[in-house]
Amino acid sequence: MANGQWYPPEWPDRIRALADGTLTPVTPKRAATVLLLKDTPDGPVVHMLRRRASMAFAGGAYAYPGGGVDPRDDDRQIRWAGPTRAWWADRLGVDAAGAQAIVCAAVRETYEEAGVLLAGPDPDSVVGDTTGEDWEADRAALVARELSFAEFLDRRGLVLRSDLLGAWTRWITPEFEARRYDTWFFVAALPEGQRTRNASTEADRTVWIRPEEAAAGYDKGELLMMPPTVATLRQLLPYRTAADALADAPARDMTPVLARARLKDGEIVLSWPGHDEFTKHVPAAPAPAEPTAPIPSEPAARTPAQTPVPTTAETTGGGPA
């Protein structure tokens, strides 16, 4: 492949089915993901995880901590600090309950997958180290959905710090994909005293990496990523500090990016509005099947596929970030 764009082999057939009306799109689920940043002498680095190759969706791809909204994230008002739910509703383009659920998902998933918690005892503070056994027990209960995020905050006497998040962009999974998500992307700075770790069962590696280094790895075909991941990495390039990115977040356009497929000159063109680099051209009809090759008398030698590892220092377990 020319770059590291994640492109499932079943997409062409699904795109054709959508184009001819034989595929009915599924309703996307609401989700949130967080570009967690920290400053270094060479500029900000972003926390990324590599999804296990066995994952059905985007296996082997680098992504950010995130996941779907828990239905309980909006079942009652939680301890809250920062901009009001009404402010977030206007910013995210949803109602107040939906805004709480999406912001909760962003904070909860960052804690579940990276061990970083954007909450504190009061509106002006943030918890410190969250790596003790009691914290881990609560995190595991959240992952197992044995504990709601509201219950977790109440138990700990914490308030969610919505002011530590900046809404960055919004992407919706293409209509031809079987697993669809309406995902809000946020930026946040790593709180002082906290550290990341690979707490996700869905990831086999985590890394702090400079956005330009990650984007270059994608361009070379060394790092596999989905279009929104690459797009957000490129959007971070102008910023020299995490605070600069957070300061710009409120002014960013939150119009959803949704891929579209159209028929043109005998082929289907797959495009993401505003992001020409991801455009794909798919034959309107499947290629004819090739003759089956004769079975060799001896198995051919194979070289195990290897995924290049970023050069930036990694955390692969419970060590400090």
Protein backbone atom coordinates (compact mmCIF):
# COMPACT_ATOMS: atom_id res chain seq x y z
CA MET A 1 0.00 0.00 0.00
CA ALA A 2 1.19 3.53 -0.75
CA ASN A 3 0.32 4.69 2.77
CA GLY A 4 -1.08 3.24 5.97
CA GLN A 5 -4.78 3.87 5.27
CA TRP A 6 -6.94 1.16 6.82
CA TYR A 7 -9.04 -0.26 4.02
CA PRO A 8 -10.94 -3.52 4.72
CA PRO A 9 -11.12 -5.98 1.80
CA GLU A 10 -14.92 -6.22 2.09
CA TRP A 11 -15.46 -2.50 1.47
CA PRO A 12 -15.63 -2.61 -2.37
CA ASP A 13 -18.48 -5.14 -2.33
CA ARG A 14 -20.31 -3.19 0.37
CA ILE A 15 -19.83 0.07 -1.53
CA ARG A 16 -21.30 -1.52 -4.67
CA ALA A 17 -24.24 -2.85 -2.65
CA LEU A 18 -24.91 0.59 -1.21
CA ALA A 19 -24.69 2.15 -4.66
CA ASP A 20 -27.22 -0.29 -6.17
CA GLY A 21 -29.59 -0.05 -3.22
CA THR A 22 -29.19 -3.59 -1.86
CA LEU A 23 -27.46 -2.47 1.36
CA THR A 24 -29.37 -0.66 4.10
CA PRO A 25 -27.08 1.50 6.31
CA VAL A 26 -27.12 0.74 10.02
CA THR A 27 -27.67 3.58 12.49
CA PRO A 28 -24.34 4.81 13.89
CA LYS A 29 -23.73 4.58 17.63
CA ARG A 30 -22.54 7.65 19.51
CA ALA A 31 -18.91 7.52 20.60
CA ALA A 32 -16.11 9.76 21.85
CA THR A 33 -12.33 9.66 21.58
CA VAL A 34 -9.60 11.84 23.10
CA LEU A 35 -6.34 13.14 21.70
CA LEU A 36 -4.40 13.20 24.97
CA LEU A 37 -1.43 15.58 24.72
CA LYS A 38 1.60 16.38 26.83
CA ASP A 39 4.36 18.91 26.24
CA THR A 40 8.00 18.08 25.55
CA PRO A 41 10.99 20.29 24.61
CA ASP A 42 10.33 19.31 20.97
CA GLY A 43 6.63 20.15 21.07
CA PRO A 44 3.55 18.21 22.12
CA VAL A 45 3.27 14.44 21.84
CA VAL A 46 -0.01 12.53 21.58
CA HIS A 47 -0.95 9.27 23.28
CA MET A 48 -1.87 6.51 20.80
CA LEU A 49 -2.65 2.83 21.10
CA ARG A 50 -2.37 0.04 18.57
CA ARG A 51 -5.48 -2.09 18.28
CA ARG A 52 -4.87 -5.82 18.52
CA ALA A 53 -4.68 -7.52 15.12
CA SER A 54 -7.48 -9.85 16.24
CA MET A 55 -9.96 -6.96 16.57
CA ALA A 56 -12.80 -7.18 14.03
CA PHE A 57 -12.80 -3.42 13.49
CA ALA A 58 -9.52 -1.73 12.46
CA GLY A 59 -7.30 -4.50 13.83
CA GLY A 60 -3.64 -3.43 13.87
CA ALA A 61 -4.49 0.25 13.40
CA TYR A 62 -3.18 3.04 15.61
CA ALA A 63 -5.90 5.11 17.29
CA TYR A 64 -6.67 7.20 20.38
CA PRO A 65 -8.38 6.12 23.61
CA GLY A 66 -12.13 6.11 23.09
CA GLY A 67 -15.30 4.12 22.75
CA GLY A 68 -19.05 4.10 22.67
CA VAL A 69 -21.47 5.97 24.92
CA ASP A 70 -22.76 3.96 27.89
CA PRO A 71 -26.58 4.32 28.06
CA ARG A 72 -26.15 5.19 31.74
CA ASP A 73 -23.95 8.19 30.89
CA ASP A 74 -27.07 10.36 30.60
CA ASP A 75 -29.51 8.64 32.95
CA ARG A 76 -29.04 11.26 35.67
CA GLN A 77 -27.04 14.41 36.16
CA ILE A 78 -23.55 13.76 37.42
CA ARG A 79 -21.07 15.85 39.40
CA TRP A 80 -19.98 18.41 36.82
CA ALA A 81 -17.52 21.31 36.52
CA GLY A 82 -16.71 23.61 33.61
CA PRO A 83 -19.00 24.77 30.80
CA THR A 84 -22.64 23.89 31.36
CA ARG A 85 -24.44 21.01 29.69
CA ALA A 86 -26.36 23.58 27.64
CA TRP A 87 -23.06 25.05 26.40
CA TRP A 88 -21.81 21.59 25.45
CA ALA A 89 -25.13 20.77 23.77
CA ASP A 90 -24.71 23.77 21.50
CA ARG A 91 -21.05 22.94 20.85
CA LEU A 92 -21.66 19.27 20.02
CA GLY A 93 -24.93 19.73 18.15
CA VAL A 94 -27.04 17.55 20.45
CA ASP A 95 -29.43 18.00 23.38
CA ALA A 96 -28.24 18.50 26.97
CA ALA A 97 -28.61 14.83 27.93
CA GLY A 98 -26.72 13.77 24.83
CA ALA A 99 -23.99 16.30 25.55
CA GLN A 100 -23.51 14.89 29.05
CA ALA A 101 -23.36 11.36 27.68
CA ILE A 102 -20.75 12.24 25.04
CA VAL A 103 -18.54 14.21 27.44
CA CYS A 104 -18.86 11.42 30.02
CA ALA A 105 -17.87 8.87 27.39
CA ALA A 106 -14.76 10.90 26.53
CA VAL A 107 -13.66 11.11 30.17
CA ARG A 108 -14.67 7.55 31.10
CA GLU A 109 -13.03 5.92 28.06
CA THR A 110 -9.79 7.85 28.64
CA TYR A 111 -9.71 6.46 32.17
CA GLU A 112 -10.68 2.95 31.08
CA GLU A 113 -8.12 2.71 28.26
CA ALA A 114 -5.27 4.97 29.39
CA GLY A 115 -5.67 5.22 33.17
CA VAL A 116 -5.98 9.02 32.97
CA LEU A 117 -8.88 10.67 34.79
CA LEU A 118 -10.11 14.20 33.97
CA ALA A 119 -11.86 14.72 37.30
CA GLY A 120 -11.07 16.18 40.69
CA PRO A 121 -12.37 16.72 44.24
CA ASP A 122 -13.56 20.20 43.26
CA PRO A 123 -13.89 22.38 40.13
CA ASP A 124 -10.33 23.69 40.50
CA SER A 125 -8.31 20.51 41.04
CA VAL A 126 -7.53 17.17 39.38
CA VAL A 127 -6.78 13.84 41.01
CA GLY A 128 -3.14 12.76 41.12
CA ASP A 129 -1.79 9.25 40.61
CA THR A 130 -4.58 6.76 39.84
CA THR A 131 -2.50 3.57 39.67
CA GLY A 132 -3.29 2.03 43.09
CA GLU A 133 -5.11 -1.28 43.52
CA ASP A 134 -8.33 0.43 44.66
CA TRP A 135 -8.32 2.66 41.59
CA GLU A 136 -7.69 -0.33 39.36
CA ALA A 137 -10.63 -2.18 40.91
CA ASP A 138 -12.93 0.73 40.09
CA ARG A 139 -11.53 1.02 36.57
CA ALA A 140 -12.12 -2.69 35.96
CA ALA A 141 -15.70 -2.34 37.25
CA LEU A 142 -16.29 0.50 34.80
CA VAL A 143 -14.93 -1.57 31.92
CA ALA A 144 -17.17 -4.49 32.89
CA ARG A 145 -20.16 -2.08 33.15
CA GLU A 146 -20.65 -3.22 36.74
CA LEU A 147 -20.31 0.42 37.79
CA SER A 148 -21.69 3.48 36.04
CA PHE A 149 -19.54 6.57 35.68
CA ALA A 150 -21.96 8.58 37.85
CA GLU A 151 -21.68 5.97 40.60
CA PHE A 152 -17.90 6.01 40.27
CA LEU A 153 -17.74 9.79 40.69
CA ASP A 154 -20.10 9.70 43.66
CA ARG A 155 -18.11 6.93 45.34
CA ARG A 156 -14.91 8.91 44.93
CA GLY A 157 -16.39 12.31 45.72
CA LEU A 158 -15.21 13.66 42.37
CA VAL A 159 -16.54 16.11 39.81
CA LEU A 160 -16.06 15.69 36.06
CA ARG A 161 -13.81 18.48 34.71
CA SER A 162 -15.45 19.24 31.37
CA ASP A 163 -13.28 22.37 31.12
CA LEU A 164 -10.24 20.12 30.56
CA LEU A 165 -11.68 18.95 27.23
CA GLY A 166 -11.82 20.75 23.92
CA ALA A 167 -14.21 19.54 21.21
CA TRP A 168 -12.04 19.12 18.10
CA THR A 169 -13.91 17.44 15.24
CA ARG A 170 -16.66 14.93 14.44
CA TRP A 171 -16.56 11.98 12.04
CA ILE A 172 -19.28 9.49 11.13
CA THR A 173 -18.38 6.00 9.89
CA PRO A 174 -19.31 5.53 6.18
CA GLU A 175 -22.81 4.21 5.45
CA PHE A 176 -21.48 1.03 3.85
CA GLU A 177 -19.57 -0.06 6.99
CA ALA A 178 -21.22 -2.74 9.13
CA ARG A 179 -19.98 -1.16 12.38
CA ARG A 180 -20.87 2.52 12.39
CA TYR A 181 -20.02 5.24 14.90
CA ASP A 182 -20.86 8.91 15.20
CA THR A 183 -17.67 9.99 16.94
CA TRP A 184 -16.79 13.27 18.62
CA PHE A 185 -13.04 13.88 18.91
CA PHE A 186 -11.70 15.90 21.85
CA VAL A 187 -8.29 17.23 22.86
CA ALA A 188 -7.00 17.25 26.44
CA ALA A 189 -3.70 17.74 28.25
CA LEU A 190 -2.28 15.05 30.52
CA PRO A 191 -3.00 16.25 34.09
CA GLU A 192 0.03 16.90 36.27
CA GLY A 193 0.84 13.91 38.47
CA GLN A 194 -0.96 11.38 36.29
CA ARG A 195 0.61 8.90 33.90
CA THR A 196 -0.69 6.75 31.08
CA ARG A 197 -0.52 2.99 30.82
CA ASN A 198 -1.84 0.35 28.46
CA ALA A 199 -5.02 -0.40 30.38
CA SER A 200 -7.03 -1.50 27.34
CA THR A 201 -7.70 -5.13 26.52
CA GLU A 202 -8.16 -4.01 22.90
CA ALA A 203 -4.59 -2.72 22.48
CA ASP A 204 -1.24 -4.49 22.34
CA ARG A 205 0.92 -1.35 22.43
CA THR A 206 0.71 2.27 23.52
CA VAL A 207 3.03 5.11 22.60
CA TRP A 208 3.62 8.82 23.13
CA ILE A 209 4.55 10.14 19.71
CA ARG A 210 4.95 13.50 17.99
CA PRO A 211 2.08 14.11 15.55
CA GLU A 212 4.50 14.74 12.69
CA GLU A 213 6.31 11.46 13.40
CA ALA A 214 3.06 9.50 13.44
CA ALA A 215 1.83 11.17 10.25
CA ALA A 216 5.16 10.44 8.55
CA GLY A 217 4.87 6.78 9.58
CA TYR A 218 1.43 6.66 7.97
CA ASP A 219 2.69 8.34 4.78
CA LYS A 220 5.44 5.71 4.48
CA GLY A 221 2.96 2.87 4.94
CA GLU A 222 4.59 1.89 8.24
CA LEU A 223 1.71 2.77 10.61
CA LEU A 224 -1.85 1.67 9.86
CA MET A 225 -4.55 4.25 10.64
CA MET A 226 -8.11 5.20 9.80
CA PRO A 227 -8.76 8.50 7.95
CA PRO A 228 -9.96 10.50 11.00
CA THR A 229 -6.83 9.53 12.94
CA VAL A 230 -4.52 10.77 10.20
CA ALA A 231 -6.60 13.90 9.64
CA THR A 232 -6.48 14.88 13.33
CA LEU A 233 -2.75 14.21 13.52
CA ARG A 234 -2.19 16.63 10.65
CA GLN A 235 -4.44 19.20 12.35
CA LEU A 236 -2.17 19.12 15.41
CA LEU A 237 0.99 19.97 13.46
CA PRO A 238 0.83 23.79 13.85
CA TYR A 239 0.63 23.69 17.66
CA ARG A 240 3.70 24.04 19.83
CA THR A 241 1.98 23.32 23.16
CA ALA A 242 -1.04 21.38 24.38
CA ALA A 243 -2.48 24.62 25.76
CA ASP A 244 -2.38 26.20 22.29
CA ALA A 245 -4.47 23.35 20.85
CA LEU A 246 -6.98 23.56 23.71
CA ALA A 247 -7.26 27.32 23.27
CA ASP A 248 -8.18 26.91 19.60
CA ALA A 249 -10.67 24.08 20.14
CA PRO A 250 -13.81 26.20 20.82
CA ALA A 251 -13.53 27.84 17.39
CA ARG A 252 -13.19 24.63 15.40
CA ASP A 253 -15.90 23.54 12.95
CA MET A 254 -17.85 20.55 14.27
CA THR A 255 -19.74 19.78 11.05
CA PRO A 256 -19.68 15.97 10.76
CA VAL A 257 -17.37 14.40 8.18
CA LEU A 258 -19.18 11.56 6.42
CA ALA A 259 -17.65 9.58 3.55
CA ARG A 260 -19.75 9.32 0.42
CA ALA A 261 -19.64 6.96 -2.56
CA ARG A 262 -20.76 8.04 -6.03
CA LEU A 263 -20.68 6.46 -9.48
CA LYS A 264 -18.47 8.28 -12.01
CA ASP A 265 -17.07 7.13 -15.37
CA GLY A 266 -17.67 3.45 -14.72
CA GLU A 267 -16.21 3.39 -11.23
CA ILE A 268 -17.29 4.20 -7.70
CA VAL A 269 -15.47 7.14 -6.13
CA LEU A 270 -15.18 7.00 -2.35
CA SER A 271 -14.41 10.38 -0.80
CA TRP A 272 -14.36 12.20 2.51
CA PRO A 273 -15.50 15.84 2.02
CA GLY A 274 -12.67 18.23 2.80
CA HIS A 275 -10.08 15.44 2.93
CA ASP A 276 -9.03 14.67 -0.64
CA GLU A 277 -6.04 12.53 0.38
CA PHE A 278 -8.37 9.68 1.36
CA THR A 279 -10.23 9.45 -1.96
CA LYS A 280 -10.46 5.90 -3.34
CA HIS A 281 -11.56 4.68 -6.79
CA VAL A 282 -13.38 1.33 -6.78
CA PRO A 283 -14.44 -0.57 -9.96
CA ALA A 284 -18.21 -0.42 -10.41
CA ALA A 285 -18.24 -4.18 -11.02
CA PRO A 286 -16.12 -6.79 -9.24
CA ALA A 287 -13.07 -8.04 -11.10
CA PRO A 288 -13.48 -11.44 -12.79
CA ALA A 289 -12.21 -14.36 -10.76
CA GLU A 290 -8.72 -15.48 -11.71
CA PRO A 291 -7.97 -19.14 -12.48
CA THR A 292 -7.00 -21.14 -9.44
CA ALA A 293 -3.25 -21.59 -9.26
CA PRO A 294 -1.92 -25.17 -9.12
CA ILE A 295 -1.06 -26.38 -5.64
CA PRO A 296 2.73 -26.48 -5.20
CA SER A 297 4.31 -29.75 -4.17
CA GLU A 298 5.99 -28.03 -1.23
CA PRO A 299 4.77 -25.05 0.81
CA ALA A 300 6.44 -21.80 -0.10
CA ALA A 301 8.56 -20.18 2.58
CA ARG A 302 6.91 -17.21 4.25
CA THR A 303 8.38 -14.23 5.99
CA PRO A 304 6.31 -13.16 9.01
CA ALA A 305 4.75 -9.75 8.51
CA GLN A 306 6.18 -7.15 10.84
CA THR A 307 4.68 -3.88 11.95
CA PRO A 308 7.31 -1.14 12.32
CA VAL A 309 7.49 0.24 15.84
CA PRO A 310 7.53 4.03 16.41
CA THR A 311 10.86 5.33 17.64
CA THR A 312 9.35 7.46 20.38
CA ALA A 313 9.54 5.85 23.87
CA GLU A 314 6.63 3.48 24.45
CA THR A 315 4.70 2.21 27.42
CA THR A 316 3.64 -1.41 27.00
CA GLY A 317 2.36 -2.13 30.46
CA GLY A 318 2.07 -0.38 33.80
CA GLY A 319 5.27 1.70 33.59
CA PRO A 320 5.38 5.49 33.72
CA ALA A 321 4.51 7.39 30.56
